[in-house]
C-alpha atoms as a PDB file:
ATOM      1  CA  LYS A   1       0.026  -0.023  -0.055  1.00  0.00           C
ATOM      2  CA  ALA A   2       1.023   3.666  -0.367  1.00  0.00           C
ATOM      3  CA  PRO A   3       2.860   5.317   2.219  1.00  0.00           C
ATOM      4  CA  ARG A   4       0.546   7.011   5.273  1.00  0.00           C
ATOM      5  CA  ALA A   5      -2.405   4.772   3.600  1.00  0.00           C
ATOM      6  CA  HIS A   6      -4.348   2.732   6.371  1.00  0.00           C
ATOM      7  CA  HIS A   7      -7.016   0.322   5.554  1.00  0.00           C
ATOM      8  CA  CYS A   8     -10.482   1.256   7.686  1.00  0.00           C
ATOM      9  CA  SER A   9     -12.343  -1.582   8.632  1.00  0.00           C
ATOM     10  CA  ILE A  10     -15.683   0.302   8.831  1.00  0.00           C
ATOM     11  CA  CYS A  11     -15.460   1.623   5.312  1.00  0.00           C
ATOM     12  CA  ARG A  12     -13.329  -1.832   4.436  1.00  0.00           C
ATOM     13  CA  ARG A  13     -11.090   0.128   2.345  1.00  0.00           C
ATOM     14  CA  CYS A  14      -7.287   1.921   2.224  1.00  0.00           C
ATOM     15  CA  SER A  15      -7.566   5.320   2.244  1.00  0.00           C
ATOM     16  CA  LEU A  16      -4.788   7.810   1.540  1.00  0.00           C
ATOM     17  CA  ARG A  17      -3.117   9.628   4.502  1.00  0.00           C
ATOM     18  CA  MET A  18      -5.606   8.573   6.412  1.00  0.00           C
ATOM     19  CA  ASP A  19      -6.853  10.399   9.867  1.00  0.00           C
ATOM     20  CA  HIS A  20      -9.487   9.031  10.996  1.00  0.00           C
ATOM     21  CA  HIS A  21     -13.364   7.775  10.674  1.00  0.00           C
ATOM     22  CA  CYS A  22     -15.708  10.319  11.016  1.00  0.00           C
ATOM     23  CA  PRO A  23     -18.799   8.992  12.022  1.00  0.00           C
ATOM     24  CA  TRP A  24     -20.792  12.529  11.485  1.00  0.00           C
ATOM     25  CA  ILE A  25     -20.281  12.052   7.545  1.00  0.00           C
ATOM     26  CA  ASN A  26     -19.825   8.646   7.234  1.00  0.00           C
ATOM     27  CA  ASN A  27     -16.886   8.101   5.703  1.00  0.00           C
ATOM     28  CA  CYS A  28     -12.752   8.868   6.827  1.00  0.00           C
ATOM     29  CA  VAL A  29     -11.103  11.898   6.819  1.00  0.00           C
ATOM     30  CA  GLY A  30      -7.909  11.633   4.640  1.00  0.00           C
ATOM     31  CA  HIS A  31      -6.021  12.824   1.829  1.00  0.00           C
ATOM     32  CA  SER A  32      -9.165  13.596  -0.391  1.00  0.00           C
ATOM     33  CA  ASN A  33     -11.466  15.188   1.807  1.00  0.00           C
ATOM     34  CA  GLN A  34      -9.473  16.680   5.079  1.00  0.00           C
ATOM     35  CA  SER A  35      -9.768  20.015   3.595  1.00  0.00           C
ATOM     36  CA  SER A  36     -13.209  19.902   3.449  1.00  0.00           C
ATOM     37  CA  PHE A  37     -13.647  18.536   6.552  1.00  0.00           C
ATOM     38  CA  VAL A  38     -11.127  21.321   8.197  1.00  0.00           C
ATOM     39  CA  ARG A  39     -13.367  24.000   6.764  1.00  0.00           C
ATOM     40  CA  PHE A  40     -16.624  22.000   7.848  1.00  0.00           C
ATOM     41  CA  LEU A  41     -15.217  22.172  11.410  1.00  0.00           C
ATOM     42  CA  PHE A  42     -14.665  25.944  10.943  1.00  0.00           C
ATOM     43  CA  HIS A  43     -18.269  26.783  10.021  1.00  0.00           C
ATOM     44  CA  VAL A  44     -20.260  25.113  12.844  1.00  0.00           C
ATOM     45  CA  PRO A  45     -18.812  26.997  15.341  1.00  0.00           C
ATOM     46  CA  ILE A  46     -19.709  30.157  13.301  1.00  0.00           C
ATOM     47  CA  GLY A  47     -23.100  28.899  12.982  1.00  0.00           C
ATOM     48  CA  CYS A  48     -24.081  27.722  16.146  1.00  0.00           C
ATOM     49  CA  VAL A  49     -22.259  31.433  17.604  1.00  0.00           C
ATOM     50  CA  HIS A  50     -24.662  33.392  15.689  1.00  0.00           C
ATOM     51  CA  ALA A  51     -27.682  31.327  16.500  1.00  0.00           C
ATOM     52  CA  LEU A  52     -26.717  31.527  19.857  1.00  0.00           C
ATOM     53  CA  VAL A  53     -26.291  35.151  20.329  1.00  0.00           C
ATOM     54  CA  LEU A  54     -29.831  35.509  18.741  1.00  0.00           C
ATOM     55  CA  MET A  55     -31.753  33.008  20.881  1.00  0.00           C
ATOM     56  CA  SER A  56     -29.540  34.729  23.563  1.00  0.00           C
ATOM     57  CA  LEU A  57     -31.196  38.100  23.459  1.00  0.00           C
ATOM     58  CA  CYS A  58     -34.283  36.780  22.512  1.00  0.00           C
ATOM     59  CA  ALA A  59     -34.611  34.709  25.737  1.00  0.00           C
ATOM     60  CA  TYR A  60     -33.279  37.748  27.537  1.00  0.00           C
ATOM     61  CA  ARG A  61     -36.216  40.204  26.117  1.00  0.00           C
ATOM     62  CA  ALA A  62     -38.483  37.232  26.627  1.00  0.00           C
ATOM     63  CA  LEU A  63     -37.640  37.228  30.442  1.00  0.00           C
ATOM     64  CA  PHE A  64     -36.435  40.838  31.701  1.00  0.00           C
ATOM     65  CA  ILE A  65     -37.775  43.345  29.230  1.00  0.00           C
ATOM     66  CA  LYS A  66     -41.770  44.569  30.209  1.00  0.00           C
ATOM     67  CA  GLY A  67     -44.028  43.739  27.371  1.00  0.00           C
ATOM     68  CA  PHE A  68     -41.687  42.071  25.544  1.00  0.00           C
ATOM     69  CA  VAL A  69     -44.198  39.094  25.197  1.00  0.00           C
ATOM     70  CA  ARG A  70     -47.118  41.132  23.946  1.00  0.00           C
ATOM     71  CA  ARG A  71     -45.251  43.154  21.737  1.00  0.00           C
ATOM     72  CA  THR A  72     -43.912  40.685  19.328  1.00  0.00           C
ATOM     73  CA  TYR A  73     -45.993  39.455  16.239  1.00  0.00           C
ATOM     74  CA  LEU A  74     -46.230  35.329  17.370  1.00  0.00           C
ATOM     75  CA  PRO A  75     -46.719  34.867  20.731  1.00  0.00           C
ATOM     76  CA  TYR A  76     -43.556  33.529  22.841  1.00  0.00           C
ATOM     77  CA  THR A  77     -45.158  31.148  25.390  1.00  0.00           C
ATOM     78  CA  PRO A  78     -43.831  29.574  27.796  1.00  0.00           C
ATOM     79  CA  PRO A  79     -42.966  26.025  25.981  1.00  0.00           C
ATOM     80  CA  MET A  80     -41.148  28.400  23.275  1.00  0.00           C
ATOM     81  CA  LEU A  81     -39.140  29.930  25.873  1.00  0.00           C
ATOM     82  CA  LEU A  82     -37.763  26.567  27.217  1.00  0.00           C
ATOM     83  CA  GLY A  83     -36.938  25.242  23.956  1.00  0.00           C
ATOM     84  CA  THR A  84     -34.913  28.434  23.136  1.00  0.00           C
ATOM     85  CA  LEU A  85     -33.205  27.581  26.797  1.00  0.00           C
ATOM     86  CA  LEU A  86     -32.482  24.259  25.722  1.00  0.00           C
ATOM     87  CA  ALA A  87     -31.487  25.677  21.871  1.00  0.00           C
ATOM     88  CA  ILE A  88     -28.960  27.422  23.473  1.00  0.00           C
ATOM     89  CA  GLY A  89     -27.580  24.368  25.987  1.00  0.00           C
ATOM     90  CA  LEU A  90     -26.761  22.785  22.557  1.00  0.00           C
ATOM     91  CA  ALA A  91     -25.539  25.326  20.443  1.00  0.00           C
ATOM     92  CA  THR A  92     -23.123  26.026  23.614  1.00  0.00           C
ATOM     93  CA  GLY A  93     -22.141  22.156  24.270  1.00  0.00           C
ATOM     94  CA  VAL A  94     -21.561  22.112  19.885  1.00  0.00           C
ATOM     95  CA  THR A  95     -19.583  25.489  19.992  1.00  0.00           C
ATOM     96  CA  ILE A  96     -17.135  23.888  22.874  1.00  0.00           C
ATOM     97  CA  SER A  97     -16.777  20.379  20.739  1.00  0.00           C
ATOM     98  CA  VAL A  98     -16.637  21.206  17.218  1.00  0.00           C
ATOM     99  CA  GLY A  99     -14.642  24.121  18.469  1.00  0.00           C
ATOM    100  CA  PHE A 100     -11.903  21.618  20.418  1.00  0.00           C
ATOM    101  CA  LEU A 101     -12.120  19.311  17.391  1.00  0.00           C
ATOM    102  CA  LEU A 102     -11.122  22.285  15.104  1.00  0.00           C
ATOM    103  CA  PHE A 103      -7.770  22.721  17.132  1.00  0.00           C
ATOM    104  CA  VAL A 104      -7.054  19.383  16.775  1.00  0.00           C
ATOM    105  CA  GLN A 105      -7.129  19.085  13.671  1.00  0.00           C
ATOM    106  CA  LEU A 106      -5.293  22.333  12.765  1.00  0.00           C
ATOM    107  CA  ARG A 107      -2.714  21.463  15.534  1.00  0.00           C
ATOM    108  CA  ASN A 108      -1.992  18.021  13.439  1.00  0.00           C
ATOM    109  CA  ILE A 109      -2.357  19.697  10.027  1.00  0.00           C
ATOM    110  CA  ALA A 110       0.411  22.193  11.530  1.00  0.00           C
ATOM    111  CA  ARG A 111       2.480  19.096  12.419  1.00  0.00           C
ATOM    112  CA  ASN A 112       1.648  16.937   8.905  1.00  0.00           C
ATOM    113  CA  ALA A 113       0.806  14.439  11.195  1.00  0.00           C
ATOM    114  CA  THR A 114      -2.711  12.265  11.245  1.00  0.00           C
ATOM    115  CA  GLU A 115      -4.216  10.854  14.666  1.00  0.00           C
ATOM    116  CA  ILE A 116      -3.036   7.648  13.611  1.00  0.00           C
ATOM    117  CA  GLU A 117       0.250   8.928  12.996  1.00  0.00           C
ATOM    118  CA  GLN A 118       0.361  10.683  16.044  1.00  0.00           C
ATOM    119  CA  TRP A 119      -0.312   7.810  18.408  1.00  0.00           C
ATOM    120  CA  ILE A 120       2.913   6.064  16.038  1.00  0.00           C
ATOM    121  CA  LEU A 121       4.979   9.139  17.422  1.00  0.00           C
ATOM    122  CA  ARG A 122       4.228   8.933  20.872  1.00  0.00           C
ATOM    123  CA  LYS A 123       5.481   4.832  20.610  1.00  0.00           C
ATOM    124  CA  ALA A 124       8.605   5.899  18.356  1.00  0.00           C
ATOM    125  CA  ASN A 125       9.730   7.970  21.167  1.00  0.00           C
ATOM    126  CA  SER A 126       8.845   5.967  24.071  1.00  0.00           C
ATOM    127  CA  SER A 127      11.668   4.412  26.525  1.00  0.00           C
ATOM    128  CA  SER A 128      10.884   0.747  25.367  1.00  0.00           C
ATOM    129  CA  ARG A 129      11.012   1.804  21.363  1.00  0.00           C
ATOM    130  CA  ARG A 130      14.323   4.243  22.188  1.00  0.00           C
ATOM    131  CA  ARG A 131      16.179   1.256  24.156  1.00  0.00           C
ATOM    132  CA  GLU A 132      16.176  -0.617  20.475  1.00  0.00           C
ATOM    133  CA  ARG A 133      17.103   1.590  18.673  1.00  0.00           C
ATOM    134  CA  ASP A 134      19.589   4.214  20.192  1.00  0.00           C
ATOM    135  CA  PRO A 135      18.836   6.024  23.638  1.00  0.00           C
ATOM    136  CA  ASN A 136      20.350   9.386  22.655  1.00  0.00           C
ATOM    137  CA  THR A 137      18.310   9.636  19.198  1.00  0.00           C
ATOM    138  CA  ARG A 138      14.439  10.833  19.233  1.00  0.00           C
ATOM    139  CA  PHE A 139      12.318  10.035  16.114  1.00  0.00           C
ATOM    140  CA  VAL A 140      11.395  12.996  14.192  1.00  0.00           C
ATOM    141  CA  HIS A 141       8.334  13.114  11.796  1.00  0.00           C
ATOM    142  CA  PRO A 142       9.637  12.718   8.289  1.00  0.00           C
ATOM    143  CA  TYR A 143       7.003  14.294   7.043  1.00  0.00           C
ATOM    144  CA  ASP A 144       7.072  17.572   9.186  1.00  0.00           C
ATOM    145  CA  VAL A 145       8.369  20.555   6.778  1.00  0.00           C
ATOM    146  CA  GLY A 146       7.325  23.530   8.441  1.00  0.00           C
ATOM    147  CA  CYS A 147       3.865  24.647   9.984  1.00  0.00           C
ATOM    148  CA  CYS A 148       3.309  26.583   6.944  1.00  0.00           C
ATOM    149  CA  ALA A 149       4.357  24.474   4.765  1.00  0.00           C
ATOM    150  CA  ASN A 150       2.455  21.770   6.264  1.00  0.00           C
ATOM    151  CA  LEU A 151      -0.780  23.741   6.205  1.00  0.00           C
ATOM    152  CA  LYS A 152      -0.516  24.555   2.828  1.00  0.00           C
ATOM    153  CA  PHE A 153       0.109  21.319   1.753  1.00  0.00           C
ATOM    154  CA  VAL A 154      -2.945  19.921   3.350  1.00  0.00           C
ATOM    155  CA  LEU A 155      -5.713  22.995   3.493  1.00  0.00           C
ATOM    156  CA  CYS A 156      -4.655  23.459  -0.651  1.00  0.00           C
ATOM    157  CA  ASP A 157      -4.990  19.763  -1.674  1.00  0.00           C
ATOM    158  CA  GLU A 158      -1.450  19.483  -2.951  1.00  0.00           C
ATOM    159  CA  GLY A 159      -0.133  16.413  -3.925  1.00  0.00           C
ATOM    160  CA  ASP A 160      -1.285  13.194  -5.275  1.00  0.00           C
ATOM    161  CA  GLY A 161      -1.321  11.201  -1.898  1.00  0.00           C
ATOM    162  CA  ILE A 162       1.361   9.062  -2.661  1.00  0.00           C
ATOM    163  CA  GLU A 163       4.491  11.122  -2.328  1.00  0.00           C
ATOM    164  CA  TRP A 164       5.126  13.568  -0.325  1.00  0.00           C
ATOM    165  CA  PRO A 165       7.898  16.099   0.732  1.00  0.00           C
ATOM    166  CA  VAL A 166       9.536  14.816   3.551  1.00  0.00           C
ATOM    167  CA  ARG A 167      12.881  16.427   5.631  1.00  0.00           C
ATOM    168  CA  ASP A 168      16.183  16.347   4.799  1.00  0.00           C
ATOM    169  CA  GLY A 169      17.576  12.883   5.640  1.00  0.00           C
ATOM    170  CA  CYS A 170      14.790  10.964   5.196  1.00  0.00           C
ATOM    171  CA  ASP A 171      12.731   9.206   2.520  1.00  0.00           C
ATOM    172  CA  GLN A 172       9.406   8.258   1.495  1.00  0.00           C
ATOM    173  CA  TYR A 173       9.692   4.900   3.157  1.00  0.00           C
ATOM    174  CA  THR A 174      10.846   6.118   6.893  1.00  0.00           C
ATOM    175  CA  PHE A 175       7.617   5.821   8.524  1.00  0.00           C
ATOM    176  CA  THR A 176       6.684   2.806   7.321  1.00  0.00           C
ATOM    177  CA  ARG A 177       9.902   1.531   8.360  1.00  0.00           C
ATOM    178  CA  GLU A 178       9.324   2.479  11.922  1.00  0.00           C
ATOM    179  CA  GLN A 179       5.833   1.616  11.784  1.00  0.00           C
ATOM    180  CA  LEU A 180       6.565  -1.914  10.591  1.00  0.00           C
ATOM    181  CA  ALA A 181       9.326  -2.091  13.147  1.00  0.00           C
ATOM    182  CA  GLN A 182       6.551  -1.529  16.188  1.00  0.00           C
ATOM    183  CA  LYS A 183       4.502  -4.493  14.795  1.00  0.00           C
ATOM    184  CA  ARG A 184       7.638  -6.225  15.157  1.00  0.00           C
ATOM    185  CA  SER A 185       8.411  -6.028  18.423  1.00  0.00           C
ATOM    186  CA  LYS A 186       5.059  -6.251  19.319  1.00  0.00           C
ATOM    187  CA  ARG A 187       5.053  -9.699  17.690  1.00  0.00           C
ATOM    188  CA  ASP A 188       8.431 -10.363  19.466  1.00  0.00           C
ATOM    189  CA  ALA A 189       6.611  -9.530  22.727  1.00  0.00           C
ATOM    190  CA  THR A 190       3.584 -11.845  22.652  1.00  0.00           C
ATOM    191  CA  VAL A 191       3.490 -14.427  25.096  1.00  0.00           C
ATOM    192  CA  PRO A 192       1.910 -17.768  23.644  1.00  0.00           C
ATOM    193  CA  TYR A 193      -0.317 -19.347  26.206  1.00  0.00           C
ATOM    194  CA  ALA A 194      -1.454 -23.329  26.124  1.00  0.00           C
ATOM    195  CA  VAL A 195      -5.661 -23.751  26.268  1.00  0.00           C
ATOM    196  CA  LYS A 196      -5.601 -26.739  29.062  1.00  0.00           C
ATOM    197  CA  ARG A 197      -9.232 -27.420  28.957  1.00  0.00           C
ATOM    198  CA  ASP A 198     -12.390 -25.579  26.986  1.00  0.00           C
ATOM    199  CA  TYR A 199     -14.274 -22.345  28.718  1.00  0.00           C
ATOM    200  CA  ALA A 200     -16.525 -19.955  28.181  1.00  0.00           C
ATOM    201  CA  ALA A 201     -16.732 -15.958  27.951  1.00  0.00           C
ATOM    202  CA  ALA A 202     -18.175 -15.942  31.656  1.00  0.00           C
ATOM    203  CA  CYS A 203     -16.356 -15.554  34.981  1.00  0.00           C
ATOM    204  CA  ASP A 204     -16.292 -18.970  36.680  1.00  0.00           C
ATOM    205  CA  TYR A 205     -16.145 -16.829  39.732  1.00  0.00           C
ATOM    206  CA  CYS A 206     -19.106 -14.607  38.973  1.00  0.00           C
ATOM    207  CA  GLY A 207     -21.380 -17.828  39.278  1.00  0.00           C
ATOM    208  CA  VAL A 208     -22.280 -17.343  35.749  1.00  0.00           C
END
């Protein structure tokens, strides 16, 4: 498979520079659509803040300005006020949650690292992996070529999804070799167990 490509068990296909599978759009976020996904995350909080301001002003006038309810063209009933307050809470929650997700996406794009690659990088610089290589060296992400270049490359949909600009001293498969080394180390650390008797998934001591 191409470097940075990963197989999605939900979509049942490989995605170029796969970041994650998003249930909101029922698709994987990767090379072909990450810029559109980031724009979606950018506009959702803006729309929620706009609705939040309008609904807050409406609720404030209904609660604190005398005669507002009677002067409106449409009757502002208590159930409508309750619905407005509920919508304010939902808009606030969506703004915070999606805004945080936008921050995470922009941070990863600035480093030119996907969520999957961030996880591999954390393991690459763990104490066990550094002992296997050289304890005095730190694994550097080969695709991080600078914040501005990273943002431009991802948000402007540059590249073909197969070949990527890399740092000096690295090649297209530097990260792939590290990933394969981690898988090999994981396999070497496995411990075989012999099954002595048939058993069910339930716990014997639970009385199930």
